[in-house]
Amino acid sequence: MKKLELFEPAMCCSTGVCGPSVDEELLMVTSVFEIFEGLDSIEAARHNLTGDPDAFVNQPAVLKLLQEKGNDILPVTLLDGEIVKEGAYPTLEEFGTYGDVHFVMQPANSSSDCCGGNSGCC
């Protein structure tokens, strides 16, 4: 099983829905982690500097980065203990690679069914 860890900067919530505007990137990250929760092939965890500072202290690679480059290096993504991305959140494609899954984006104007509104085609 793969282990994915995301070390995020200090913030009041991980969803991106708090504050004056919604952060679409954080919403995507939250959705990806919710999907990963349902998979047996990957163990995924998010660590927020405000809510989980011990995780930062207990992960030597992340702690070293923070000491050398400061908090601006966050977010940092680890896969099986190795840093795979720093300074930005992974893209949906990168998350798919890390979790061995293929994410399919549905256009906003399409129907919620698998056939785009064409009943009986599935």
C-alpha atoms as a PDB file:
ATOM      1  CA  MET A   1       0.000   0.000   0.000  1.00  0.00           C
ATOM      2  CA  LYS A   2       1.254   3.466  -0.890  1.00  0.00           C
ATOM      3  CA  LYS A   3       1.381   6.205   1.718  1.00  0.00           C
ATOM      4  CA  LEU A   4       0.612   9.773   0.628  1.00  0.00           C
ATOM      5  CA  GLU A   5       1.073  12.677   3.027  1.00  0.00           C
ATOM      6  CA  LEU A   6       0.303  16.319   2.377  1.00  0.00           C
ATOM      7  CA  PHE A   7       1.853  18.905   4.705  1.00  0.00           C
ATOM      8  CA  GLU A   8      -0.067  22.162   4.380  1.00  0.00           C
ATOM      9  CA  PRO A   9       0.475  25.715   5.608  1.00  0.00           C
ATOM     10  CA  ALA A  10      -1.369  27.067   8.617  1.00  0.00           C
ATOM     11  CA  MET A  11      -5.011  27.699   7.808  1.00  0.00           C
ATOM     12  CA  CYS A  12      -8.303  27.653   9.646  1.00  0.00           C
ATOM     13  CA  CYS A  13      -9.744  24.769   7.615  1.00  0.00           C
ATOM     14  CA  SER A  14      -8.654  22.330   4.930  1.00  0.00           C
ATOM     15  CA  THR A  15     -11.716  22.616   2.714  1.00  0.00           C
ATOM     16  CA  GLY A  16     -11.182  26.101   1.354  1.00  0.00           C
ATOM     17  CA  VAL A  17     -14.751  27.152   2.107  1.00  0.00           C
ATOM     18  CA  CYS A  18     -13.963  29.368   5.062  1.00  0.00           C
ATOM     19  CA  GLY A  19     -13.204  33.048   4.703  1.00  0.00           C
ATOM     20  CA  PRO A  20     -14.427  35.559   2.153  1.00  0.00           C
ATOM     21  CA  SER A  21     -13.832  33.436  -0.959  1.00  0.00           C
ATOM     22  CA  VAL A  22     -13.790  29.753  -1.854  1.00  0.00           C
ATOM     23  CA  ASP A  23     -10.416  28.275  -2.806  1.00  0.00           C
ATOM     24  CA  GLU A  24     -11.146  25.941  -5.732  1.00  0.00           C
ATOM     25  CA  GLU A  25      -7.775  24.223  -5.424  1.00  0.00           C
ATOM     26  CA  LEU A  26      -8.401  23.310  -1.783  1.00  0.00           C
ATOM     27  CA  LEU A  27     -11.848  22.010  -2.699  1.00  0.00           C
ATOM     28  CA  MET A  28     -10.244  19.730  -5.293  1.00  0.00           C
ATOM     29  CA  VAL A  29      -7.648  18.520  -2.776  1.00  0.00           C
ATOM     30  CA  THR A  30     -10.371  17.802  -0.220  1.00  0.00           C
ATOM     31  CA  SER A  31     -12.347  15.836  -2.819  1.00  0.00           C
ATOM     32  CA  VAL A  32      -9.305  13.789  -3.809  1.00  0.00           C
ATOM     33  CA  PHE A  33      -8.571  12.880  -0.198  1.00  0.00           C
ATOM     34  CA  GLU A  34     -12.204  11.857   0.308  1.00  0.00           C
ATOM     35  CA  ILE A  35     -11.848   9.521  -2.683  1.00  0.00           C
ATOM     36  CA  PHE A  36      -8.568   8.135  -1.346  1.00  0.00           C
ATOM     37  CA  GLU A  37     -10.308   7.303   1.956  1.00  0.00           C
ATOM     38  CA  GLY A  38     -12.390   4.745   0.092  1.00  0.00           C
ATOM     39  CA  LEU A  39      -9.428   2.995  -1.553  1.00  0.00           C
ATOM     40  CA  ASP A  40      -7.469   0.082  -0.109  1.00  0.00           C
ATOM     41  CA  SER A  41      -4.427   0.776  -2.297  1.00  0.00           C
ATOM     42  CA  ILE A  42      -3.383   4.066  -0.675  1.00  0.00           C
ATOM     43  CA  GLU A  43      -3.173   5.535   2.791  1.00  0.00           C
ATOM     44  CA  ALA A  44      -3.581   9.303   2.519  1.00  0.00           C
ATOM     45  CA  ALA A  45      -3.237  11.929   5.242  1.00  0.00           C
ATOM     46  CA  ARG A  46      -3.304  15.717   5.342  1.00  0.00           C
ATOM     47  CA  HIS A  47      -1.376  17.636   7.970  1.00  0.00           C
ATOM     48  CA  ASN A  48      -2.158  21.288   8.641  1.00  0.00           C
ATOM     49  CA  LEU A  49       0.546  23.296  10.412  1.00  0.00           C
ATOM     50  CA  THR A  50      -2.066  24.821  12.726  1.00  0.00           C
ATOM     51  CA  GLY A  51      -3.941  21.664  13.659  1.00  0.00           C
ATOM     52  CA  ASP A  52      -1.215  19.017  13.469  1.00  0.00           C
ATOM     53  CA  PRO A  53       2.200  20.580  14.198  1.00  0.00           C
ATOM     54  CA  ASP A  54       3.569  17.315  15.627  1.00  0.00           C
ATOM     55  CA  ALA A  55       3.354  15.696  12.192  1.00  0.00           C
ATOM     56  CA  PHE A  56       5.765  18.331  10.872  1.00  0.00           C
ATOM     57  CA  VAL A  57       8.193  17.808  13.755  1.00  0.00           C
ATOM     58  CA  ASN A  58       8.031  14.024  13.410  1.00  0.00           C
ATOM     59  CA  GLN A  59       8.748  14.002   9.652  1.00  0.00           C
ATOM     60  CA  PRO A  60      12.495  14.724   9.269  1.00  0.00           C
ATOM     61  CA  ALA A  61      12.382  15.570   5.551  1.00  0.00           C
ATOM     62  CA  VAL A  62       9.615  18.143   6.018  1.00  0.00           C
ATOM     63  CA  LEU A  63      11.184  19.567   9.163  1.00  0.00           C
ATOM     64  CA  LYS A  64      14.500  20.017   7.345  1.00  0.00           C
ATOM     65  CA  LEU A  65      12.782  21.830   4.455  1.00  0.00           C
ATOM     66  CA  LEU A  66      10.963  24.137   6.861  1.00  0.00           C
ATOM     67  CA  GLN A  67      14.200  24.946   8.699  1.00  0.00           C
ATOM     68  CA  GLU A  68      16.058  25.637   5.450  1.00  0.00           C
ATOM     69  CA  LYS A  69      13.374  27.413   3.410  1.00  0.00           C
ATOM     70  CA  GLY A  70      10.683  28.512   5.865  1.00  0.00           C
ATOM     71  CA  ASN A  71       6.925  28.127   5.709  1.00  0.00           C
ATOM     72  CA  ASP A  72       6.765  29.376   2.109  1.00  0.00           C
ATOM     73  CA  ILE A  73       7.846  25.887   1.001  1.00  0.00           C
ATOM     74  CA  LEU A  74       4.424  24.536   2.013  1.00  0.00           C
ATOM     75  CA  PRO A  75       2.526  22.595   0.856  1.00  0.00           C
ATOM     76  CA  VAL A  76       4.874  19.614   0.686  1.00  0.00           C
ATOM     77  CA  THR A  77       3.759  16.239  -0.651  1.00  0.00           C
ATOM     78  CA  LEU A  78       5.391  12.964   0.364  1.00  0.00           C
ATOM     79  CA  LEU A  79       4.840   9.597  -1.279  1.00  0.00           C
ATOM     80  CA  ASP A  80       6.151   6.649   0.709  1.00  0.00           C
ATOM     81  CA  GLY A  81       8.285   9.024   2.774  1.00  0.00           C
ATOM     82  CA  GLU A  82       9.921  10.735  -0.214  1.00  0.00           C
ATOM     83  CA  ILE A  83       9.242  14.343  -1.176  1.00  0.00           C
ATOM     84  CA  VAL A  84       7.530  14.409  -4.573  1.00  0.00           C
ATOM     85  CA  LYS A  85       6.351  18.024  -4.643  1.00  0.00           C
ATOM     86  CA  GLU A  86       6.975  21.208  -2.698  1.00  0.00           C
ATOM     87  CA  GLY A  87       5.669  24.752  -2.827  1.00  0.00           C
ATOM     88  CA  ALA A  88       2.391  23.868  -4.568  1.00  0.00           C
ATOM     89  CA  TYR A  89      -0.475  21.424  -4.327  1.00  0.00           C
ATOM     90  CA  PRO A  90      -0.362  18.411  -6.630  1.00  0.00           C
ATOM     91  CA  THR A  91      -2.488  18.592  -9.757  1.00  0.00           C
ATOM     92  CA  LEU A  92      -5.329  16.156 -10.281  1.00  0.00           C
ATOM     93  CA  GLU A  93      -3.098  14.255 -12.704  1.00  0.00           C
ATOM     94  CA  GLU A  94      -0.308  14.030 -10.120  1.00  0.00           C
ATOM     95  CA  PHE A  95      -2.740  12.811  -7.461  1.00  0.00           C
ATOM     96  CA  GLY A  96      -3.883  10.159  -9.929  1.00  0.00           C
ATOM     97  CA  THR A  97      -0.315   9.028 -10.476  1.00  0.00           C
ATOM     98  CA  TYR A  98       0.390   8.907  -6.735  1.00  0.00           C
ATOM     99  CA  GLY A  99      -2.756   6.877  -6.059  1.00  0.00           C
ATOM    100  CA  ASP A 100      -2.713   4.740  -9.215  1.00  0.00           C
ATOM    101  CA  VAL A 101      -6.158   6.044 -10.153  1.00  0.00           C
ATOM    102  CA  HIS A 102      -7.529   7.904 -13.145  1.00  0.00           C
ATOM    103  CA  PHE A 103      -9.691  10.901 -12.370  1.00  0.00           C
ATOM    104  CA  VAL A 104     -12.234  11.922 -14.983  1.00  0.00           C
ATOM    105  CA  MET A 105     -13.507  15.468 -14.919  1.00  0.00           C
ATOM    106  CA  GLN A 106     -17.131  15.861 -15.892  1.00  0.00           C
ATOM    107  CA  PRO A 107     -17.946  19.125 -17.692  1.00  0.00           C
ATOM    108  CA  ALA A 108     -19.999  21.470 -15.528  1.00  0.00           C
ATOM    109  CA  ASN A 109     -22.819  21.685 -18.081  1.00  0.00           C
ATOM    110  CA  SER A 110     -23.278  17.924 -18.515  1.00  0.00           C
ATOM    111  CA  SER A 111     -25.846  15.707 -16.874  1.00  0.00           C
ATOM    112  CA  SER A 112     -24.806  13.825 -13.757  1.00  0.00           C
ATOM    113  CA  ASP A 113     -25.407  10.426 -15.339  1.00  0.00           C
ATOM    114  CA  CYS A 114     -22.699   8.509 -17.178  1.00  0.00           C
ATOM    115  CA  CYS A 115     -24.174   9.152 -20.619  1.00  0.00           C
ATOM    116  CA  GLY A 116     -24.477  12.909 -20.509  1.00  0.00           C
ATOM    117  CA  GLY A 117     -28.253  12.782 -20.492  1.00  0.00           C
ATOM    118  CA  ASN A 118     -28.723  10.046 -23.105  1.00  0.00           C
ATOM    119  CA  SER A 119     -30.788   7.567 -21.157  1.00  0.00           C
ATOM    120  CA  GLY A 120     -30.336   3.905 -21.835  1.00  0.00           C
ATOM    121  CA  CYS A 121     -26.832   4.121 -23.296  1.00  0.00           C
ATOM    122  CA  CYS A 122     -24.937   2.778 -20.301  1.00  0.00           C
END
